[in-house]
Amino acid sequence: MKKTYKVIFHIDLNAFYATCAMIKEPHLKKRVFVVGGQSSGAKGVISTASYKARKYGIHAGMSVIEALNLYPRLIIVPVDFKLYKEMSHKFMNVLDEYSPLVLQASIDEAYLDVTHLAQNTHPLKIAKELQKKLVDQYLLPTSIGIAPTLYLAKMASDIKKPMGITILRKRDVEKILYPMDISNIHGIGRQTYPKLKMLGIHTIKDFMDLSNLDKILKVMKENSYYTYREYILGNSTNIIEPDKYKVPKSISAETTFHTNIEEPTFLLEEINKQLDECLVRLNKHQMLTKTIGFKLKTSNFQTITRSVTINDYTNDPVIIKDHLQSLFESEFEEGTYRLAGAHLNNLIDKENEKIPFNLFTYEKFIGKS
């Protein structure tokens, strides 16, 4: 029986904010511009630099003042999160056409498991088709990394930009990755790699050389080093969990009693305990709610749910508990109950512009494209 190897794509939308700006205002294609700061003056920080701006040494994270010193005629374009979300949604819809195994890592990048397609079609052909479709339909240029693991796919997609496709097999790691600068190791922070360079660790080959371990451990914990080492060698996850970073549409918690309960005061206390658990999860996901409710199940297994929708979204526990108590007092019916719970529905992100987490939740790479 022929062994099936995992084929993972990492698809990265090139200079996404800048691309969206050019979709909205096509004249920018011929101009040197950045996204971020404040269009009314030389203030703020750059979110994304167009490729024309990058030729002048302008990059994400740089202050607008610094950028203007490098290129005084630089155009500053304000951010447009509504447009970014719209284009990101279109991007994800295209990926869904290829596989149900899609993991959105941020607003402008995603992982795609095409193992099943690759059994009959070469991965490079699939990548070229996907790349062309995103440009033809939505004017979205991408770079695609093809590898057996999520981490290597991410490393591969960074190698050729814009509109590049890179295949990175385990056997090619030494040839392709080892000569690269240490700063190209995905996940190593901008504060860490300069310290490694000061100790003579300049390339990925230097980093992988165990004779340099004592030097490396001066700036990095041993567990972290060996984790990165295994990732680079291709010994990390190749499993895509589509729901891994998705925020919930509702939050609920409930408990089943050992004996049937009649006392309303006790039932309300238990409902409030379950509500406390819901509130912890609400804040964990940085969300707000507008619909609050409780659930009861009678001794003969009849389920009763009641809810109330309030005027404004909130995560204030005092407001939420007050509404739940009022709801319970007005809707509770006498009886014997074996289950009680609480639920929060009608959820939104706290800032209403939530960007999904990256593969590594300990670091965000905003504007790196």
Protein backbone atom coordinates (compact mmCIF):
# COMPACT_ATOMS: atom_id res chain seq x y z
CA MET A 1 0.00 0.00 0.00
CA LYS A 2 1.40 3.36 -1.02
CA LYS A 3 2.17 5.68 1.88
CA THR A 4 0.34 9.02 1.83
CA TYR A 5 2.40 12.07 2.82
CA LYS A 6 0.79 15.18 4.24
CA VAL A 7 0.75 18.20 1.93
CA ILE A 8 0.20 21.46 3.79
CA PHE A 9 -0.08 24.88 2.15
CA HIS A 10 0.59 28.14 3.94
CA ILE A 11 -1.01 30.90 1.91
CA ASP A 12 0.11 34.44 2.72
CA LEU A 13 -1.60 37.45 1.16
CA ASN A 14 1.20 39.75 0.01
CA ALA A 15 1.31 43.21 1.62
CA PHE A 16 -2.36 42.74 2.40
CA TYR A 17 -3.26 46.20 3.71
CA ALA A 18 -1.39 47.81 0.82
CA THR A 19 -3.07 45.48 -1.67
CA CYS A 20 -6.50 46.42 -0.30
CA ALA A 21 -5.59 50.09 -0.61
CA MET A 22 -4.75 49.59 -4.31
CA ILE A 23 -7.99 47.66 -4.88
CA LYS A 24 -9.89 50.60 -3.42
CA GLU A 25 -7.78 53.28 -5.13
CA PRO A 26 -6.08 51.82 -8.25
CA HIS A 27 -4.00 54.98 -8.83
CA LEU A 28 -1.86 53.92 -5.84
CA LYS A 29 -0.31 51.13 -7.93
CA LYS A 30 2.05 53.70 -9.43
CA ARG A 31 2.73 55.55 -6.18
CA VAL A 32 5.03 55.09 -3.21
CA PHE A 33 2.74 54.68 -0.21
CA VAL A 34 2.25 53.08 3.18
CA VAL A 35 -0.77 52.12 5.25
CA GLY A 36 -1.04 53.36 8.81
CA GLY A 37 -0.19 56.48 10.74
CA GLN A 38 -2.47 59.44 10.25
CA SER A 39 -3.19 60.71 6.77
CA SER A 40 -3.52 64.27 8.09
CA GLY A 41 0.03 64.52 9.36
CA ALA A 42 3.40 62.90 10.02
CA LYS A 43 2.29 60.89 13.02
CA GLY A 44 1.83 57.26 13.95
CA VAL A 45 3.41 53.99 12.94
CA ILE A 46 3.32 52.18 9.60
CA SER A 47 1.20 49.02 9.47
CA THR A 48 2.25 47.91 5.98
CA ALA A 49 4.57 49.38 3.37
CA SER A 50 3.86 48.93 -0.33
CA TYR A 51 6.56 47.12 -2.26
CA LYS A 52 7.56 50.38 -3.95
CA ALA A 53 8.03 51.95 -0.50
CA ARG A 54 10.11 48.99 0.68
CA LYS A 55 12.66 49.77 -2.02
CA TYR A 56 13.47 52.93 -0.06
CA GLY A 57 14.00 51.01 3.18
CA ILE A 58 10.54 51.76 4.54
CA HIS A 59 8.93 48.93 6.50
CA ALA A 60 6.16 47.98 8.92
CA GLY A 61 6.71 49.22 12.47
CA MET A 62 8.65 52.28 11.33
CA SER A 63 7.37 55.68 12.40
CA VAL A 64 5.85 57.84 9.69
CA ILE A 65 8.41 60.55 10.43
CA GLU A 66 11.28 58.13 9.74
CA ALA A 67 9.60 57.00 6.53
CA LEU A 68 9.11 60.57 5.31
CA ASN A 69 12.79 61.25 5.92
CA LEU A 70 13.58 58.36 3.59
CA TYR A 71 11.03 59.43 0.97
CA PRO A 72 9.48 62.89 1.48
CA ARG A 73 6.77 62.36 -1.17
CA LEU A 74 5.46 59.27 0.58
CA ILE A 75 1.67 58.89 0.58
CA ILE A 76 0.10 57.86 3.90
CA VAL A 77 -3.10 55.82 3.48
CA PRO A 78 -5.36 55.34 6.54
CA VAL A 79 -6.30 51.84 7.65
CA ASP A 80 -9.67 50.46 6.54
CA PHE A 81 -10.59 47.47 8.71
CA LYS A 82 -14.00 47.06 7.13
CA LEU A 83 -12.38 46.49 3.73
CA TYR A 84 -9.75 44.15 5.20
CA LYS A 85 -12.41 41.95 6.77
CA GLU A 86 -14.37 41.87 3.52
CA MET A 87 -11.35 40.83 1.44
CA SER A 88 -10.18 38.34 4.08
CA HIS A 89 -13.62 36.73 3.96
CA LYS A 90 -13.38 36.37 0.17
CA PHE A 91 -9.88 34.88 0.56
CA MET A 92 -11.14 32.24 2.99
CA ASN A 93 -14.12 31.39 0.76
CA VAL A 94 -11.74 30.51 -2.07
CA LEU A 95 -9.68 28.26 0.21
CA ASP A 96 -12.85 26.48 1.31
CA GLU A 97 -13.31 25.37 -2.31
CA TYR A 98 -10.14 23.28 -2.07
CA SER A 99 -10.43 21.56 1.29
CA PRO A 100 -12.55 21.47 4.44
CA LEU A 101 -9.29 21.47 6.41
CA VAL A 102 -8.55 25.20 6.55
CA LEU A 103 -7.07 27.07 9.49
CA GLN A 104 -7.11 30.86 9.36
CA ALA A 105 -3.98 32.01 11.17
CA SER A 106 -4.55 35.75 10.85
CA ILE A 107 -6.50 38.18 8.73
CA ASP A 108 -4.10 37.66 5.81
CA GLU A 109 -2.82 34.09 6.09
CA ALA A 110 -4.13 30.55 6.37
CA TYR A 111 -3.10 26.90 6.35
CA LEU A 112 -4.69 24.43 3.94
CA ASP A 113 -4.44 20.62 3.94
CA VAL A 114 -4.51 19.47 0.30
CA THR A 115 -3.27 15.92 0.92
CA HIS A 116 -6.35 14.41 -0.72
CA LEU A 117 -6.01 16.59 -3.85
CA ALA A 118 -2.27 15.91 -4.11
CA GLN A 119 -2.92 12.19 -4.59
CA ASN A 120 -4.08 12.93 -8.14
CA THR A 121 -2.65 16.39 -8.89
CA HIS A 122 0.85 17.73 -8.26
CA PRO A 123 0.84 20.23 -5.34
CA LEU A 124 2.64 22.81 -7.47
CA LYS A 125 -0.18 22.74 -10.02
CA ILE A 126 -2.75 23.16 -7.23
CA ALA A 127 -0.82 26.09 -5.78
CA LYS A 128 -0.52 27.83 -9.15
CA GLU A 129 -4.25 27.42 -9.78
CA LEU A 130 -5.11 28.77 -6.33
CA GLN A 131 -2.72 31.68 -6.72
CA LYS A 132 -4.17 32.57 -10.14
CA LYS A 133 -7.76 32.31 -8.91
CA LEU A 134 -7.14 34.76 -6.04
CA VAL A 135 -5.58 37.28 -8.43
CA ASP A 136 -8.14 36.85 -11.21
CA GLN A 137 -11.20 37.00 -8.96
CA TYR A 138 -10.15 39.41 -6.23
CA LEU A 139 -6.78 41.02 -7.21
CA LEU A 140 -5.15 39.35 -4.19
CA PRO A 141 -1.50 38.33 -4.78
CA THR A 142 -0.18 35.55 -2.56
CA SER A 143 2.90 33.59 -1.64
CA ILE A 144 2.43 29.89 -0.96
CA GLY A 145 4.61 27.52 1.02
CA ILE A 146 4.21 23.78 0.45
CA ALA A 147 5.53 21.42 3.11
CA PRO A 148 4.70 18.35 5.22
CA THR A 149 4.10 20.41 8.39
CA LEU A 150 2.44 23.71 9.26
CA TYR A 151 5.67 25.23 10.52
CA LEU A 152 7.72 24.38 7.44
CA ALA A 153 4.90 25.58 5.19
CA LYS A 154 5.02 28.94 6.98
CA MET A 155 8.80 29.11 6.60
CA ALA A 156 8.48 28.24 2.92
CA SER A 157 5.89 30.91 2.13
CA ASP A 158 8.24 33.61 3.40
CA ILE A 159 11.04 32.64 1.00
CA LYS A 160 9.64 34.07 -2.25
CA LYS A 161 7.58 37.27 -2.19
CA PRO A 162 5.50 38.52 -3.86
CA MET A 163 3.66 35.82 -5.84
CA GLY A 164 6.11 33.05 -4.98
CA ILE A 165 5.62 29.33 -4.51
CA THR A 166 8.16 27.31 -2.53
CA ILE A 167 8.21 23.56 -1.92
CA LEU A 168 10.07 22.60 1.26
CA ARG A 169 10.47 18.89 1.97
CA LYS A 170 12.19 17.54 5.09
CA ARG A 171 15.12 16.38 2.98
CA ASP A 172 15.53 19.93 1.60
CA VAL A 173 15.69 21.71 4.97
CA GLU A 174 19.47 21.71 5.19
CA LYS A 175 19.89 22.92 1.61
CA ILE A 176 17.18 25.60 1.65
CA LEU A 177 16.89 26.80 5.25
CA TYR A 178 20.37 26.42 6.73
CA PRO A 179 21.99 29.23 4.66
CA MET A 180 19.23 31.69 5.67
CA ASP A 181 19.68 34.47 8.21
CA ILE A 182 18.74 33.65 11.80
CA SER A 183 16.02 36.33 11.68
CA ASN A 184 14.06 34.11 9.26
CA ILE A 185 13.26 31.51 11.91
CA HIS A 186 9.51 31.84 12.36
CA GLY A 187 8.60 32.62 15.97
CA ILE A 188 11.93 33.95 17.19
CA GLY A 189 11.25 37.49 18.31
CA ARG A 190 12.88 40.67 17.11
CA GLN A 191 14.55 41.08 20.48
CA THR A 192 16.06 37.59 20.47
CA TYR A 193 17.79 37.20 17.12
CA PRO A 194 20.00 40.33 17.47
CA LYS A 195 21.32 38.86 20.74
CA LEU A 196 22.07 35.59 18.98
CA LYS A 197 23.95 37.46 16.26
CA MET A 198 26.06 39.20 18.88
CA LEU A 199 27.13 35.73 20.02
CA GLY A 200 28.06 34.69 16.49
CA ILE A 201 24.85 32.85 15.59
CA HIS A 202 24.15 34.40 12.19
CA THR A 203 22.49 31.67 10.13
CA ILE A 204 20.00 28.89 10.69
CA LYS A 205 22.91 26.49 10.23
CA ASP A 206 24.67 28.17 13.16
CA PHE A 207 21.47 27.82 15.19
CA MET A 208 21.16 24.10 14.40
CA ASP A 209 24.83 23.38 15.20
CA LEU A 210 24.82 21.81 18.67
CA SER A 211 28.39 22.98 19.25
CA ASN A 212 26.84 26.46 19.60
CA LEU A 213 24.33 25.33 22.23
CA ASP A 214 26.10 26.96 25.19
CA LYS A 215 26.04 30.32 23.39
CA ILE A 216 22.41 29.98 22.38
CA LEU A 217 21.27 29.10 25.89
CA LYS A 218 22.57 32.45 27.10
CA VAL A 219 19.60 34.11 25.39
CA MET A 220 17.09 31.26 24.99
CA LYS A 221 15.67 28.62 27.30
CA GLU A 222 16.72 25.06 26.57
CA ASN A 223 13.16 23.83 26.00
CA SER A 224 12.51 26.65 23.52
CA TYR A 225 15.70 25.88 21.62
CA TYR A 226 14.93 22.20 21.21
CA THR A 227 11.34 22.99 20.24
CA TYR A 228 12.52 25.26 17.41
CA ARG A 229 15.11 22.70 16.42
CA GLU A 230 12.47 20.01 16.03
CA TYR A 231 10.19 22.37 14.12
CA ILE A 232 12.96 23.24 11.66
CA LEU A 233 13.75 19.55 11.16
CA GLY A 234 10.11 18.97 10.26
CA ASN A 235 9.09 17.23 13.47
CA SER A 236 6.02 19.30 14.33
CA THR A 237 2.29 19.12 13.74
CA ASN A 238 0.84 18.34 10.33
CA ILE A 239 -2.73 18.35 11.57
CA ILE A 240 -5.04 21.22 10.69
CA GLU A 241 -7.89 21.83 13.12
CA PRO A 242 -10.31 24.22 11.38
CA ASP A 243 -12.05 25.25 14.60
CA LYS A 244 -8.88 25.76 16.64
CA TYR A 245 -9.04 29.56 16.79
CA LYS A 246 -12.68 30.20 15.98
CA VAL A 247 -14.57 32.32 18.45
CA PRO A 248 -17.84 30.85 19.78
CA LYS A 249 -21.28 31.90 18.59
CA SER A 250 -22.68 31.22 22.04
CA ILE A 251 -21.41 30.29 25.49
CA SER A 252 -23.23 28.02 27.92
CA ALA A 253 -22.67 26.01 31.08
CA GLU A 254 -24.90 23.70 33.05
CA THR A 255 -24.93 21.20 35.90
CA THR A 256 -27.03 18.11 36.65
CA PHE A 257 -28.19 17.51 40.22
CA HIS A 258 -27.97 14.20 42.04
CA THR A 259 -31.51 14.72 43.34
CA ASN A 260 -34.46 16.71 42.06
CA ILE A 261 -34.55 20.34 43.28
CA GLU A 262 -37.62 22.48 43.95
CA GLU A 263 -36.24 25.47 45.87
CA PRO A 264 -36.08 28.59 43.58
CA THR A 265 -33.32 30.24 45.65
CA PHE A 266 -31.06 27.20 45.29
CA LEU A 267 -31.77 26.98 41.57
CA LEU A 268 -30.92 30.64 41.05
CA GLU A 269 -27.66 30.20 42.97
CA GLU A 270 -26.70 27.29 40.71
CA ILE A 271 -27.65 29.24 37.59
CA ASN A 272 -25.42 32.10 38.79
CA LYS A 273 -22.55 29.67 39.34
CA GLN A 274 -22.89 28.49 35.75
CA LEU A 275 -23.12 32.11 34.62
CA ASP A 276 -19.79 32.81 36.34
CA GLU A 277 -18.23 30.07 34.22
CA CYS A 278 -19.77 31.61 31.10
CA LEU A 279 -18.36 35.03 32.01
CA VAL A 280 -14.85 33.61 32.36
CA ARG A 281 -15.06 32.22 28.84
CA LEU A 282 -16.64 35.43 27.53
CA ASN A 283 -13.65 37.43 28.76
CA LYS A 284 -11.18 34.79 27.61
CA HIS A 285 -12.43 35.27 24.05
CA GLN A 286 -12.60 39.06 24.54
CA MET A 287 -16.26 39.18 23.57
CA LEU A 288 -19.44 41.01 24.51
CA THR A 289 -22.96 39.63 24.81
CA LYS A 290 -26.41 41.02 24.26
CA THR A 291 -28.62 38.00 25.05
CA ILE A 292 -28.65 36.38 28.49
CA GLY A 293 -30.62 33.32 29.53
CA PHE A 294 -31.08 30.31 31.76
CA LYS A 295 -31.95 26.68 31.21
CA LEU A 296 -33.81 24.21 33.41
CA LYS A 297 -34.66 20.56 32.88
CA THR A 298 -37.58 19.09 34.79
CA SER A 299 -37.63 15.75 36.57
CA ASN A 300 -39.52 14.30 33.58
CA PHE A 301 -36.80 15.60 31.19
CA GLN A 302 -38.68 18.58 29.78
CA THR A 303 -36.26 21.38 28.85
CA ILE A 304 -37.18 24.99 29.60
CA THR A 305 -35.10 27.89 28.27
CA ARG A 306 -35.71 31.58 28.77
CA SER A 307 -33.67 34.55 27.56
CA VAL A 308 -33.67 38.32 27.36
CA THR A 309 -31.97 40.60 24.86
CA ILE A 310 -30.69 43.88 26.30
CA ASN A 311 -30.13 47.23 24.58
CA ASP A 312 -26.32 47.27 24.49
CA TYR A 313 -23.55 44.70 24.19
CA THR A 314 -21.69 44.20 27.44
CA ASN A 315 -19.34 41.99 29.46
CA ASP A 316 -20.15 43.73 32.76
CA PRO A 317 -20.95 40.92 35.26
CA VAL A 318 -23.14 43.19 37.38
CA ILE A 319 -25.35 44.14 34.43
CA ILE A 320 -25.50 40.57 33.13
CA LYS A 321 -26.34 39.05 36.53
CA ASP A 322 -28.96 41.71 37.21
CA HIS A 323 -30.75 40.93 33.95
CA LEU A 324 -30.53 37.20 34.55
CA GLN A 325 -32.00 37.52 38.03
CA SER A 326 -34.87 39.68 36.76
CA LEU A 327 -35.50 37.16 33.99
CA PHE A 328 -35.53 34.26 36.46
CA GLU A 329 -37.88 36.03 38.86
CA SER A 330 -40.35 36.82 36.08
CA GLU A 331 -40.17 33.52 34.16
CA PHE A 332 -39.54 30.83 36.79
CA GLU A 333 -42.29 28.24 37.15
CA GLU A 334 -42.61 26.04 40.21
CA GLY A 335 -41.63 22.41 39.74
CA THR A 336 -38.90 19.85 40.38
CA TYR A 337 -35.72 20.19 38.37
CA ARG A 338 -32.72 17.96 37.69
CA LEU A 339 -30.56 20.40 35.67
CA ALA A 340 -29.81 24.13 35.71
CA GLY A 341 -27.64 26.26 33.45
CA ALA A 342 -26.92 29.66 31.96
CA HIS A 343 -26.13 30.83 28.45
CA LEU A 344 -24.88 33.93 26.65
CA ASN A 345 -25.84 34.46 23.01
CA ASN A 346 -25.68 37.19 20.40
CA LEU A 347 -21.90 37.58 20.85
CA ILE A 348 -19.52 40.01 19.17
CA ASP A 349 -15.80 40.68 19.50
CA LYS A 350 -15.01 43.34 22.05
CA GLU A 351 -13.44 45.60 19.42
CA ASN A 352 -15.63 44.24 16.62
CA GLU A 353 -12.47 43.92 14.53
CA LYS A 354 -10.95 40.80 16.00
CA ILE A 355 -8.10 39.29 13.98
CA PRO A 356 -7.75 35.51 14.36
CA PHE A 357 -4.74 34.17 16.25
CA ASN A 358 -1.54 33.16 14.53
CA LEU A 359 -0.26 29.60 14.58
CA PHE A 360 1.87 30.72 17.53
CA THR A 361 -0.36 32.46 20.05
CA TYR A 362 2.60 33.94 21.90
CA GLU A 363 3.49 36.30 19.08
CA LYS A 364 1.62 38.32 16.48
CA PHE A 365 3.11 39.30 13.16
CA ILE A 366 0.98 42.30 12.20
CA GLY A 367 1.72 43.78 8.80
CA LYS A 368 4.49 41.25 8.05
CA SER A 369 3.80 40.26 4.48
